[in-house]
Amino acid sequence: GGSSKISAGEKHSMRMTAVLTARADGTKLPIMFIMKGQPGGRIETNEVPTFPEGHFYAVHEKAWMDARVWKQFLRSVLHDDIEECSVILVDNFEAHVSEESTKIVQEELGSHLCAMPPNATSVCQPLDVGVMAPFKRHLRELWLYEEMIDSDDDDPDSLTAKQKRLAMIKRAIAAWDLVTPEIVRSSFEKALACGPTTGE
């Protein structure tokens, strides 16, 4: 998997993280969006139920991945998509490789957690190697297109924070849809050629 910070202008309240996940065969999994807000607060209670179906949503005070959100990711995004014993490749982020995380992957997902060597994500993390760049390019192209359309409006700044969050989510979903399975497969081939990873 990989994550991309998404922000609208300079407003920190609009920050969110899009966690992208893919398989070596080119299959792209649903996105997990981590919204900036108070867990159990207004965004989670009122807005999340209105967000596009088919993807997953979490709320964090800083829109970051932490141990709580990571467990939610494992039990939602990965749980229904793992059909047989698999290797889940992760970076060395503490929450990803914790004893609890390893136990969930083994006992609930029937798979193995494999951590990459420190400071190796740029060459061994498949999404970093060849997926994040085209995803971000598509994201920017879609944003520029929307800006061009919005320039015809009297006041594009009149959108509410809720509307902007929804627009950011839809834009990220569209950008992810534009990343082809061929790009994903190629990224895995390049990344896995960098050498074996160290398992936990």
N, C-alpha and C. Protein backbone atom coordinates (compact mmCIF):
# COMPACT_ATOMS: atom_id res chain seq x y z
N GLY A 1 0.82 -1.20 0.00
CA GLY A 1 0.00 0.00 0.00
C GLY A 1 0.84 1.24 0.00
N GLY A 2 0.19 2.34 -0.14
CA GLY A 2 0.87 3.63 -0.11
C GLY A 2 -0.13 4.68 0.27
N SER A 3 0.34 5.83 0.68
CA SER A 3 -0.59 6.88 1.06
C SER A 3 -0.19 8.19 0.42
N SER A 4 -1.20 9.00 0.16
CA SER A 4 -0.97 10.30 -0.46
C SER A 4 -1.70 11.35 0.34
N LYS A 5 -0.97 12.39 0.75
CA LYS A 5 -1.60 13.49 1.46
C LYS A 5 -2.34 14.35 0.44
N ILE A 6 -3.58 14.66 0.74
CA ILE A 6 -4.40 15.48 -0.14
C ILE A 6 -4.86 16.69 0.63
N SER A 7 -4.67 17.87 0.06
CA SER A 7 -5.12 19.07 0.74
C SER A 7 -5.74 20.03 -0.24
N ALA A 8 -6.63 20.85 0.25
CA ALA A 8 -7.28 21.87 -0.58
C ALA A 8 -6.74 23.21 -0.13
N GLY A 9 -5.95 23.83 -0.98
CA GLY A 9 -5.39 25.12 -0.64
C GLY A 9 -4.53 25.03 0.60
N GLU A 10 -4.61 26.03 1.45
CA GLU A 10 -3.78 26.08 2.65
C GLU A 10 -4.59 25.77 3.91
N LYS A 11 -5.80 25.32 3.74
CA LYS A 11 -6.66 25.09 4.91
C LYS A 11 -6.37 23.71 5.49
N HIS A 12 -5.72 23.69 6.65
CA HIS A 12 -5.36 22.43 7.25
C HIS A 12 -6.58 21.58 7.59
N SER A 13 -7.71 22.21 7.82
CA SER A 13 -8.92 21.47 8.16
C SER A 13 -9.40 20.61 7.00
N MET A 14 -8.89 20.90 5.80
CA MET A 14 -9.32 20.14 4.63
C MET A 14 -8.40 18.96 4.34
N ARG A 15 -7.41 18.76 5.17
CA ARG A 15 -6.46 17.69 4.92
C ARG A 15 -7.10 16.32 5.05
N MET A 16 -6.63 15.40 4.19
CA MET A 16 -7.00 14.00 4.33
C MET A 16 -5.88 13.16 3.74
N THR A 17 -5.85 11.91 4.11
CA THR A 17 -4.87 10.98 3.56
C THR A 17 -5.63 9.90 2.80
N ALA A 18 -5.15 9.59 1.60
CA ALA A 18 -5.73 8.51 0.81
C ALA A 18 -4.75 7.34 0.85
N VAL A 19 -5.18 6.22 1.42
CA VAL A 19 -4.34 5.03 1.52
C VAL A 19 -4.65 4.13 0.33
N LEU A 20 -3.68 3.97 -0.55
CA LEU A 20 -3.85 3.17 -1.76
C LEU A 20 -3.26 1.78 -1.54
N THR A 21 -3.96 0.77 -2.03
CA THR A 21 -3.52 -0.61 -1.87
C THR A 21 -3.72 -1.35 -3.17
N ALA A 22 -2.76 -2.20 -3.53
CA ALA A 22 -2.86 -2.95 -4.78
C ALA A 22 -2.20 -4.31 -4.62
N ARG A 23 -2.58 -5.23 -5.51
CA ARG A 23 -1.98 -6.56 -5.53
C ARG A 23 -0.96 -6.64 -6.65
N ALA A 24 -0.09 -7.64 -6.58
CA ALA A 24 0.94 -7.83 -7.60
C ALA A 24 0.34 -8.15 -8.96
N ASP A 25 -0.90 -8.68 -8.99
CA ASP A 25 -1.52 -9.00 -10.28
C ASP A 25 -2.15 -7.79 -10.95
N GLY A 26 -2.02 -6.62 -10.33
CA GLY A 26 -2.55 -5.39 -10.92
C GLY A 26 -3.88 -4.95 -10.36
N THR A 27 -4.47 -5.77 -9.49
CA THR A 27 -5.76 -5.42 -8.90
C THR A 27 -5.61 -4.26 -7.92
N LYS A 28 -6.47 -3.27 -8.06
CA LYS A 28 -6.48 -2.13 -7.14
C LYS A 28 -7.61 -2.31 -6.13
N LEU A 29 -7.29 -2.16 -4.87
CA LEU A 29 -8.29 -2.29 -3.82
C LEU A 29 -8.94 -0.94 -3.55
N PRO A 30 -10.07 -0.94 -2.84
CA PRO A 30 -10.72 0.34 -2.49
C PRO A 30 -9.77 1.23 -1.70
N ILE A 31 -9.98 2.52 -1.80
CA ILE A 31 -9.18 3.49 -1.07
C ILE A 31 -9.69 3.61 0.37
N MET A 32 -8.78 3.77 1.30
CA MET A 32 -9.19 4.18 2.64
C MET A 32 -8.83 5.65 2.79
N PHE A 33 -9.82 6.48 3.06
CA PHE A 33 -9.61 7.90 3.28
C PHE A 33 -9.56 8.17 4.77
N ILE A 34 -8.52 8.87 5.20
CA ILE A 34 -8.42 9.27 6.61
C ILE A 34 -8.69 10.76 6.67
N MET A 35 -9.84 11.11 7.22
CA MET A 35 -10.28 12.49 7.27
C MET A 35 -9.77 13.18 8.53
N LYS A 36 -9.49 14.47 8.42
CA LYS A 36 -9.08 15.25 9.59
C LYS A 36 -10.34 15.64 10.36
N GLY A 37 -10.41 15.23 11.60
CA GLY A 37 -11.57 15.54 12.42
C GLY A 37 -11.51 14.80 13.74
N GLN A 38 -12.52 14.96 14.52
CA GLN A 38 -12.59 14.31 15.83
C GLN A 38 -13.29 12.96 15.69
N PRO A 39 -12.62 11.85 16.03
CA PRO A 39 -13.30 10.55 15.97
C PRO A 39 -14.61 10.58 16.74
N GLY A 40 -15.67 10.11 16.10
CA GLY A 40 -16.98 10.14 16.72
C GLY A 40 -17.67 11.48 16.64
N GLY A 41 -17.02 12.46 16.00
CA GLY A 41 -17.57 13.80 15.89
C GLY A 41 -18.46 13.99 14.68
N ARG A 42 -18.66 15.26 14.31
CA ARG A 42 -19.61 15.61 13.26
C ARG A 42 -19.28 14.99 11.91
N ILE A 43 -18.00 15.04 11.51
CA ILE A 43 -17.63 14.51 10.20
C ILE A 43 -17.91 13.01 10.13
N GLU A 44 -17.49 12.29 11.17
CA GLU A 44 -17.70 10.84 11.17
C GLU A 44 -19.18 10.49 11.26
N THR A 45 -19.91 11.24 12.04
CA THR A 45 -21.33 10.94 12.26
C THR A 45 -22.22 11.37 11.11
N ASN A 46 -22.00 12.59 10.60
CA ASN A 46 -22.91 13.16 9.60
C ASN A 46 -22.43 13.07 8.16
N GLU A 47 -21.11 13.20 7.95
CA GLU A 47 -20.61 13.25 6.58
C GLU A 47 -20.22 11.89 6.02
N VAL A 48 -19.50 11.10 6.81
CA VAL A 48 -19.01 9.82 6.30
C VAL A 48 -20.11 8.96 5.68
N PRO A 49 -21.31 8.89 6.28
CA PRO A 49 -22.37 8.08 5.66
C PRO A 49 -22.79 8.57 4.27
N THR A 50 -22.46 9.82 3.93
CA THR A 50 -22.84 10.37 2.62
C THR A 50 -21.73 10.23 1.58
N PHE A 51 -20.56 9.76 1.98
CA PHE A 51 -19.43 9.64 1.06
C PHE A 51 -19.65 8.48 0.09
N PRO A 52 -18.96 8.48 -1.06
CA PRO A 52 -19.14 7.42 -2.07
C PRO A 52 -18.96 6.02 -1.50
N GLU A 53 -19.85 5.13 -1.90
CA GLU A 53 -19.77 3.74 -1.46
C GLU A 53 -18.64 3.02 -2.19
N GLY A 54 -18.24 1.89 -1.64
CA GLY A 54 -17.19 1.11 -2.28
C GLY A 54 -15.80 1.44 -1.79
N HIS A 55 -15.69 2.43 -0.91
CA HIS A 55 -14.41 2.81 -0.32
C HIS A 55 -14.58 2.88 1.19
N PHE A 56 -13.50 3.11 1.90
CA PHE A 56 -13.54 3.08 3.36
C PHE A 56 -13.07 4.41 3.93
N TYR A 57 -13.57 4.73 5.11
CA TYR A 57 -13.31 6.05 5.70
C TYR A 57 -13.00 5.92 7.19
N ALA A 58 -12.01 6.70 7.61
CA ALA A 58 -11.65 6.79 9.03
C ALA A 58 -11.47 8.26 9.36
N VAL A 59 -11.56 8.59 10.62
CA VAL A 59 -11.38 9.97 11.07
C VAL A 59 -10.28 10.01 12.12
N HIS A 60 -9.36 10.94 11.95
CA HIS A 60 -8.23 11.09 12.88
C HIS A 60 -7.97 12.58 13.09
N GLU A 61 -7.55 12.95 14.27
CA GLU A 61 -7.36 14.36 14.60
C GLU A 61 -6.42 15.08 13.62
N LYS A 62 -5.43 14.35 13.09
CA LYS A 62 -4.47 14.96 12.16
C LYS A 62 -4.49 14.32 10.78
N ALA A 63 -5.50 13.49 10.52
CA ALA A 63 -5.62 12.79 9.23
C ALA A 63 -4.43 11.87 9.00
N TRP A 64 -3.92 11.26 10.07
CA TRP A 64 -2.77 10.38 9.98
C TRP A 64 -3.17 8.92 10.17
N MET A 65 -2.29 8.05 9.69
CA MET A 65 -2.42 6.63 10.00
C MET A 65 -1.80 6.39 11.37
N ASP A 66 -2.53 5.74 12.25
CA ASP A 66 -1.98 5.33 13.54
C ASP A 66 -2.43 3.89 13.80
N ALA A 67 -2.12 3.37 14.97
CA ALA A 67 -2.44 1.98 15.27
C ALA A 67 -3.93 1.69 15.15
N ARG A 68 -4.76 2.62 15.63
CA ARG A 68 -6.22 2.42 15.57
C ARG A 68 -6.71 2.37 14.13
N VAL A 69 -6.27 3.31 13.31
CA VAL A 69 -6.71 3.36 11.91
C VAL A 69 -6.13 2.18 11.13
N TRP A 70 -4.90 1.78 11.44
CA TRP A 70 -4.29 0.64 10.76
C TRP A 70 -5.08 -0.64 11.02
N LYS A 71 -5.53 -0.84 12.25
CA LYS A 71 -6.35 -2.01 12.54
C LYS A 71 -7.66 -1.96 11.76
N GLN A 72 -8.23 -0.77 11.65
CA GLN A 72 -9.44 -0.61 10.85
C GLN A 72 -9.17 -0.95 9.39
N PHE A 73 -8.02 -0.52 8.89
CA PHE A 73 -7.63 -0.82 7.50
C PHE A 73 -7.51 -2.32 7.28
N LEU A 74 -6.82 -3.01 8.17
CA LEU A 74 -6.64 -4.45 8.02
C LEU A 74 -7.97 -5.18 8.02
N ARG A 75 -8.88 -4.76 8.90
CA ARG A 75 -10.14 -5.48 9.07
C ARG A 75 -11.22 -5.05 8.09
N SER A 76 -10.98 -3.99 7.34
CA SER A 76 -11.98 -3.55 6.36
C SER A 76 -11.45 -3.68 4.94
N VAL A 77 -10.43 -2.92 4.60
CA VAL A 77 -9.91 -2.93 3.23
C VAL A 77 -9.35 -4.30 2.86
N LEU A 78 -8.52 -4.87 3.72
CA LEU A 78 -7.85 -6.13 3.36
C LEU A 78 -8.69 -7.37 3.63
N HIS A 79 -9.48 -7.36 4.67
CA HIS A 79 -10.15 -8.57 5.13
C HIS A 79 -10.93 -9.28 4.03
N ASP A 80 -11.77 -8.57 3.30
CA ASP A 80 -12.63 -9.20 2.30
C ASP A 80 -11.92 -9.42 0.97
N ASP A 81 -10.72 -8.87 0.80
CA ASP A 81 -10.04 -9.00 -0.48
C ASP A 81 -8.96 -10.07 -0.48
N ILE A 82 -8.63 -10.61 0.66
CA ILE A 82 -7.63 -11.67 0.71
C ILE A 82 -8.34 -13.01 0.59
N GLU A 83 -8.10 -13.70 -0.52
CA GLU A 83 -8.80 -14.95 -0.81
C GLU A 83 -8.00 -16.18 -0.40
N GLU A 84 -6.69 -16.02 -0.25
CA GLU A 84 -5.84 -17.13 0.15
C GLU A 84 -4.63 -16.55 0.88
N CYS A 85 -3.83 -17.41 1.46
CA CYS A 85 -2.65 -16.96 2.19
C CYS A 85 -1.81 -16.05 1.30
N SER A 86 -1.53 -14.85 1.79
CA SER A 86 -0.82 -13.85 1.00
C SER A 86 0.30 -13.23 1.82
N VAL A 87 1.19 -12.54 1.13
CA VAL A 87 2.24 -11.76 1.78
C VAL A 87 1.83 -10.30 1.71
N ILE A 88 1.71 -9.66 2.86
CA ILE A 88 1.35 -8.25 2.92
C ILE A 88 2.63 -7.46 3.15
N LEU A 89 3.01 -6.70 2.13
CA LEU A 89 4.26 -5.94 2.15
C LEU A 89 4.01 -4.56 2.73
N VAL A 90 4.74 -4.23 3.79
CA VAL A 90 4.55 -2.94 4.46
C VAL A 90 5.90 -2.28 4.73
N ASP A 91 5.85 -0.98 5.03
CA ASP A 91 7.07 -0.29 5.43
C ASP A 91 7.32 -0.53 6.92
N ASN A 92 8.29 0.16 7.48
CA ASN A 92 8.67 -0.09 8.87
C ASN A 92 7.95 0.79 9.89
N PHE A 93 6.87 1.45 9.46
CA PHE A 93 6.09 2.26 10.39
C PHE A 93 5.68 1.39 11.58
N GLU A 94 5.87 1.90 12.77
CA GLU A 94 5.68 1.11 13.99
C GLU A 94 4.33 0.41 14.06
N ALA A 95 3.26 1.12 13.71
CA ALA A 95 1.92 0.52 13.77
C ALA A 95 1.78 -0.63 12.79
N HIS A 96 2.48 -0.55 11.65
CA HIS A 96 2.36 -1.58 10.62
C HIS A 96 3.00 -2.90 11.06
N VAL A 97 4.07 -2.82 11.82
CA VAL A 97 4.85 -4.03 12.14
C VAL A 97 4.76 -4.42 13.62
N SER A 98 3.79 -3.87 14.31
CA SER A 98 3.65 -4.19 15.73
C SER A 98 3.24 -5.64 15.93
N GLU A 99 3.40 -6.12 17.14
CA GLU A 99 3.01 -7.49 17.47
C GLU A 99 1.51 -7.69 17.25
N GLU A 100 0.72 -6.69 17.61
CA GLU A 100 -0.73 -6.78 17.42
C GLU A 100 -1.08 -6.85 15.95
N SER A 101 -0.40 -6.04 15.13
CA SER A 101 -0.64 -6.03 13.69
C SER A 101 -0.30 -7.39 13.08
N THR A 102 0.84 -7.94 13.47
CA THR A 102 1.26 -9.25 12.96
C THR A 102 0.24 -10.32 13.34
N LYS A 103 -0.29 -10.24 14.56
CA LYS A 103 -1.27 -11.21 15.03
C LYS A 103 -2.56 -11.12 14.23
N ILE A 104 -3.03 -9.90 13.94
CA ILE A 104 -4.25 -9.73 13.15
C ILE A 104 -4.07 -10.32 11.76
N VAL A 105 -2.92 -10.02 11.14
CA VAL A 105 -2.66 -10.52 9.78
C VAL A 105 -2.61 -12.04 9.77
N GLN A 106 -1.97 -12.64 10.75
CA GLN A 106 -1.84 -14.09 10.79
C GLN A 106 -3.15 -14.78 11.15
N GLU A 107 -3.79 -14.32 12.22
CA GLU A 107 -4.95 -15.03 12.75
C GLU A 107 -6.26 -14.67 12.07
N GLU A 108 -6.43 -13.41 11.68
CA GLU A 108 -7.70 -12.99 11.08
C GLU A 108 -7.66 -12.98 9.56
N LEU A 109 -6.49 -12.72 8.98
CA LEU A 109 -6.38 -12.65 7.52
C LEU A 109 -5.71 -13.89 6.93
N GLY A 110 -5.15 -14.73 7.79
CA GLY A 110 -4.50 -15.95 7.31
C GLY A 110 -3.34 -15.67 6.39
N SER A 111 -2.60 -14.62 6.67
CA SER A 111 -1.52 -14.20 5.78
C SER A 111 -0.26 -13.87 6.57
N HIS A 112 0.76 -13.42 5.85
CA HIS A 112 2.04 -13.10 6.47
C HIS A 112 2.37 -11.63 6.26
N LEU A 113 2.86 -10.99 7.31
CA LEU A 113 3.27 -9.60 7.24
C LEU A 113 4.77 -9.55 6.97
N CYS A 114 5.16 -8.80 5.96
CA CYS A 114 6.56 -8.72 5.58
C CYS A 114 6.98 -7.25 5.55
N ALA A 115 7.92 -6.88 6.41
CA ALA A 115 8.37 -5.49 6.49
C ALA A 115 9.58 -5.28 5.59
N MET A 116 9.58 -4.15 4.90
CA MET A 116 10.71 -3.81 4.05
C MET A 116 11.88 -3.32 4.90
N PRO A 117 13.09 -3.39 4.37
CA PRO A 117 14.25 -2.87 5.11
C PRO A 117 14.09 -1.37 5.36
N PRO A 118 14.67 -0.86 6.42
CA PRO A 118 14.59 0.58 6.70
C PRO A 118 15.10 1.42 5.53
N ASN A 119 14.44 2.53 5.29
CA ASN A 119 14.85 3.49 4.25
C ASN A 119 14.89 2.89 2.85
N ALA A 120 14.03 1.88 2.61
CA ALA A 120 14.05 1.23 1.30
C ALA A 120 12.76 1.41 0.51
N THR A 121 11.83 2.19 1.05
CA THR A 121 10.53 2.28 0.38
C THR A 121 10.63 2.86 -1.03
N SER A 122 11.57 3.75 -1.27
CA SER A 122 11.65 4.39 -2.59
C SER A 122 12.04 3.40 -3.68
N VAL A 123 12.66 2.28 -3.30
CA VAL A 123 13.06 1.30 -4.32
C VAL A 123 12.37 -0.04 -4.16
N CYS A 124 11.84 -0.34 -2.97
CA CYS A 124 11.22 -1.64 -2.72
C CYS A 124 9.71 -1.59 -2.50
N GLN A 125 9.16 -0.42 -2.30
CA GLN A 125 7.72 -0.28 -2.09
C GLN A 125 7.06 -0.09 -3.45
N PRO A 126 6.31 -1.11 -3.93
CA PRO A 126 5.76 -1.05 -5.29
C PRO A 126 5.01 0.23 -5.63
N LEU A 127 4.18 0.72 -4.72
CA LEU A 127 3.42 1.93 -5.06
C LEU A 127 4.32 3.15 -5.14
N ASP A 128 5.36 3.21 -4.30
CA ASP A 128 6.30 4.32 -4.38
C ASP A 128 7.12 4.26 -5.66
N VAL A 129 7.44 3.05 -6.10
CA VAL A 129 8.29 2.87 -7.28
C VAL A 129 7.62 3.37 -8.56
N GLY A 130 6.33 3.06 -8.74
CA GLY A 130 5.74 3.42 -10.03
C GLY A 130 4.27 3.78 -10.06
N VAL A 131 3.61 3.84 -8.90
CA VAL A 131 2.17 4.11 -8.89
C VAL A 131 1.84 5.50 -8.37
N MET A 132 2.53 5.94 -7.33
CA MET A 132 2.17 7.23 -6.73
C MET A 132 2.35 8.39 -7.70
N ALA A 133 3.39 8.35 -8.52
CA ALA A 133 3.63 9.46 -9.46
C ALA A 133 2.48 9.63 -10.45
N PRO A 134 2.06 8.55 -11.15
CA PRO A 134 0.92 8.73 -12.05
C PRO A 134 -0.37 9.07 -11.33
N PHE A 135 -0.57 8.51 -10.12
CA PHE A 135 -1.77 8.85 -9.35
C PHE A 135 -1.80 10.34 -9.05
N LYS A 136 -0.69 10.88 -8.57
CA LYS A 136 -0.63 12.31 -8.25
C LYS A 136 -0.76 13.18 -9.50
N ARG A 137 -0.22 12.69 -10.61
CA ARG A 137 -0.37 13.43 -11.87
C ARG A 137 -1.83 13.50 -12.29
N HIS A 138 -2.52 12.36 -12.22
CA HIS A 138 -3.95 12.35 -12.55
C HIS A 138 -4.73 13.25 -11.59
N LEU A 139 -4.35 13.22 -10.33
CA LEU A 139 -5.02 14.04 -9.32
C LEU A 139 -4.90 15.52 -9.67
N ARG A 140 -3.69 15.92 -10.04
CA ARG A 140 -3.45 17.32 -10.39
C ARG A 140 -4.20 17.70 -11.67
N GLU A 141 -4.18 16.82 -12.66
CA GLU A 141 -4.88 17.11 -13.92
C GLU A 141 -6.38 17.29 -13.68
N LEU A 142 -6.94 16.43 -12.85
CA LEU A 142 -8.37 16.53 -12.54
C LEU A 142 -8.67 17.82 -11.77
N TRP A 143 -7.76 18.18 -10.85
CA TRP A 143 -7.94 19.41 -10.09
C TRP A 143 -7.88 20.62 -11.01
N LEU A 144 -6.92 20.64 -11.94
CA LEU A 144 -6.80 21.76 -12.88
C LEU A 144 -8.04 21.86 -13.76
N TYR A 145 -8.56 20.71 -14.17
CA TYR A 145 -9.77 20.71 -15.00
C TYR A 145 -10.94 21.29 -14.21
N GLU A 146 -11.07 20.88 -12.95
CA GLU A 146 -12.15 21.41 -12.11
C GLU A 146 -11.98 22.91 -11.89
N GLU A 147 -10.73 23.35 -11.71
CA GLU A 147 -10.48 24.78 -11.53
C GLU A 147 -10.90 25.56 -12.77
N MET A 148 -10.64 24.99 -13.94
CA MET A 148 -11.00 25.64 -15.19
C MET A 148 -12.52 25.76 -15.30
N ILE A 149 -13.22 24.69 -14.90
CA ILE A 149 -14.68 24.72 -14.94
C ILE A 149 -15.22 25.72 -13.92
N ASP A 150 -14.63 25.69 -12.71
CA ASP A 150 -15.09 26.56 -11.63
C ASP A 150 -14.84 28.03 -11.92
N SER A 151 -13.88 28.32 -12.80
CA SER A 151 -13.56 29.72 -13.09
C SER A 151 -14.72 30.44 -13.76
N ASP A 152 -15.65 29.66 -14.28
CA ASP A 152 -16.83 30.27 -14.89
C ASP A 152 -17.88 30.63 -13.85
N ASP A 153 -17.71 30.12 -12.63
CA ASP A 153 -18.67 30.44 -11.58
C ASP A 153 -18.36 31.80 -10.98
N ASP A 154 -19.36 32.38 -10.38
CA ASP A 154 -19.19 33.70 -9.78
C ASP A 154 -18.25 33.66 -8.59
N ASP A 155 -18.41 32.64 -7.75
CA ASP A 155 -17.60 32.59 -6.53
C ASP A 155 -17.32 31.14 -6.14
N PRO A 156 -16.25 30.54 -6.70
CA PRO A 156 -15.94 29.15 -6.38
C PRO A 156 -15.60 28.94 -4.91
N ASP A 157 -15.22 30.03 -4.20
CA ASP A 157 -14.88 29.90 -2.79
C ASP A 157 -16.12 29.75 -1.91
N SER A 158 -17.28 29.83 -2.54
CA SER A 158 -18.52 29.74 -1.76
C SER A 158 -18.83 28.30 -1.36
N LEU A 159 -18.07 27.31 -1.86
CA LEU A 159 -18.30 25.93 -1.48
C LEU A 159 -18.05 25.75 0.01
N THR A 160 -18.88 24.95 0.63
CA THR A 160 -18.71 24.68 2.06
C THR A 160 -17.57 23.68 2.26
N ALA A 161 -17.08 23.59 3.49
CA ALA A 161 -16.02 22.63 3.80
C ALA A 161 -16.48 21.21 3.50
N LYS A 162 -17.74 20.92 3.78
CA LYS A 162 -18.30 19.60 3.50
C LYS A 162 -18.26 19.30 2.01
N GLN A 163 -18.64 20.27 1.18
CA GLN A 163 -18.63 20.09 -0.26
C GLN A 163 -17.21 19.90 -0.79
N LYS A 164 -16.27 20.63 -0.21
CA LYS A 164 -14.87 20.51 -0.64
C LYS A 164 -14.30 19.14 -0.28
N ARG A 165 -14.64 18.64 0.90
CA ARG A 165 -14.17 17.31 1.29
C ARG A 165 -14.70 16.25 0.33
N LEU A 166 -15.97 16.35 0.00
CA LEU A 166 -16.57 15.39 -0.92
C LEU A 166 -15.92 15.48 -2.30
N ALA A 167 -15.64 16.70 -2.76
CA ALA A 167 -15.00 16.89 -4.06
C ALA A 167 -13.60 16.27 -4.07
N MET A 168 -12.86 16.43 -2.97
CA MET A 168 -11.52 15.85 -2.88
C MET A 168 -11.57 14.33 -2.93
N ILE A 169 -12.55 13.75 -2.26
CA ILE A 169 -12.70 12.30 -2.26
C ILE A 169 -13.02 11.80 -3.67
N LYS A 170 -13.97 12.44 -4.32
CA LYS A 170 -14.36 12.01 -5.66
C LYS A 170 -13.20 12.16 -6.64
N ARG A 171 -12.40 13.21 -6.47
CA ARG A 171 -11.25 13.43 -7.35
C ARG A 171 -10.21 12.33 -7.16
N ALA A 172 -9.97 11.94 -5.91
CA ALA A 172 -9.00 10.88 -5.63
C ALA A 172 -9.48 9.54 -6.19
N ILE A 173 -10.77 9.27 -6.07
CA ILE A 173 -11.32 8.03 -6.62
C ILE A 173 -11.15 8.01 -8.14
N ALA A 174 -11.43 9.13 -8.79
CA ALA A 174 -11.28 9.22 -10.24
C ALA A 174 -9.83 9.04 -10.66
N ALA A 175 -8.90 9.63 -9.90
CA ALA A 175 -7.47 9.50 -10.22
C ALA A 175 -7.02 8.05 -10.05
N TRP A 176 -7.50 7.37 -9.03
CA TRP A 176 -7.16 5.97 -8.79
C TRP A 176 -7.70 5.09 -9.91
N ASP A 177 -8.89 5.42 -10.39
CA ASP A 177 -9.47 4.67 -11.50
C ASP A 177 -8.63 4.78 -12.76
N LEU A 178 -7.91 5.89 -12.92
CA LEU A 178 -7.10 6.12 -14.12
C LEU A 178 -5.75 5.40 -14.07
N VAL A 179 -5.36 4.91 -12.91
CA VAL A 179 -4.12 4.13 -12.81
C VAL A 179 -4.42 2.72 -13.32
N THR A 180 -3.73 2.30 -14.36
CA THR A 180 -4.04 1.03 -15.02
C THR A 180 -3.42 -0.17 -14.30
N PRO A 181 -4.01 -1.35 -14.47
CA PRO A 181 -3.43 -2.57 -13.90
C PRO A 181 -2.01 -2.80 -14.41
N GLU A 182 -1.75 -2.41 -15.66
CA GLU A 182 -0.41 -2.59 -16.23
C GLU A 182 0.63 -1.79 -15.45
N ILE A 183 0.27 -0.58 -15.06
CA ILE A 183 1.18 0.26 -14.27
C ILE A 183 1.45 -0.39 -12.92
N VAL A 184 0.41 -0.93 -12.30
CA VAL A 184 0.57 -1.58 -10.99
C VAL A 184 1.48 -2.80 -11.11
N ARG A 185 1.22 -3.65 -12.10
CA ARG A 185 2.04 -4.86 -12.27
C ARG A 185 3.50 -4.50 -12.53
N SER A 186 3.72 -3.52 -13.38
CA SER A 186 5.08 -3.09 -13.69
C SER A 186 5.80 -2.58 -12.44
N SER A 187 5.08 -1.88 -11.59
CA SER A 187 5.67 -1.35 -10.36
C SER A 187 6.10 -2.47 -9.43
N PHE A 188 5.27 -3.51 -9.33
CA PHE A 188 5.64 -4.65 -8.49
C PHE A 188 6.87 -5.35 -9.05
N GLU A 189 6.93 -5.51 -10.36
CA GLU A 189 8.08 -6.19 -10.98
C GLU A 189 9.37 -5.43 -10.70
N LYS A 190 9.32 -4.10 -10.81
CA LYS A 190 10.52 -3.29 -10.56
C LYS A 190 10.90 -3.32 -9.08
N ALA A 191 9.90 -3.22 -8.22
CA ALA A 191 10.18 -3.16 -6.78
C ALA A 191 10.71 -4.49 -6.25
N LEU A 192 10.09 -5.58 -6.65
CA LEU A 192 10.50 -6.88 -6.14
C LEU A 192 11.85 -7.30 -6.68
N ALA A 193 12.29 -6.67 -7.77
CA ALA A 193 13.61 -6.97 -8.33
C ALA A 193 14.72 -6.35 -7.51
N CYS A 194 14.36 -5.50 -6.53
CA CYS A 194 15.39 -4.82 -5.73
C CYS A 194 16.02 -5.74 -4.71
N GLY A 195 15.45 -6.93 -4.54
CA GLY A 195 16.04 -7.87 -3.60
C GLY A 195 15.04 -8.30 -2.55
N PRO A 196 15.34 -9.32 -1.78
CA PRO A 196 14.42 -9.84 -0.77
C PRO A 196 14.21 -8.85 0.35
N THR A 197 13.03 -8.90 0.93
CA THR A 197 12.74 -8.07 2.08
C THR A 197 12.94 -8.88 3.35
N THR A 198 12.99 -8.20 4.45
CA THR A 198 13.18 -8.90 5.72
C THR A 198 11.84 -9.13 6.38
N GLY A 199 11.53 -10.33 6.76
CA GLY A 199 10.26 -10.64 7.38
C GLY A 199 10.31 -10.46 8.88
N GLU A 200 9.12 -10.36 9.44
CA GLU A 200 9.03 -10.23 10.90
C GLU A 200 8.82 -11.61 11.50
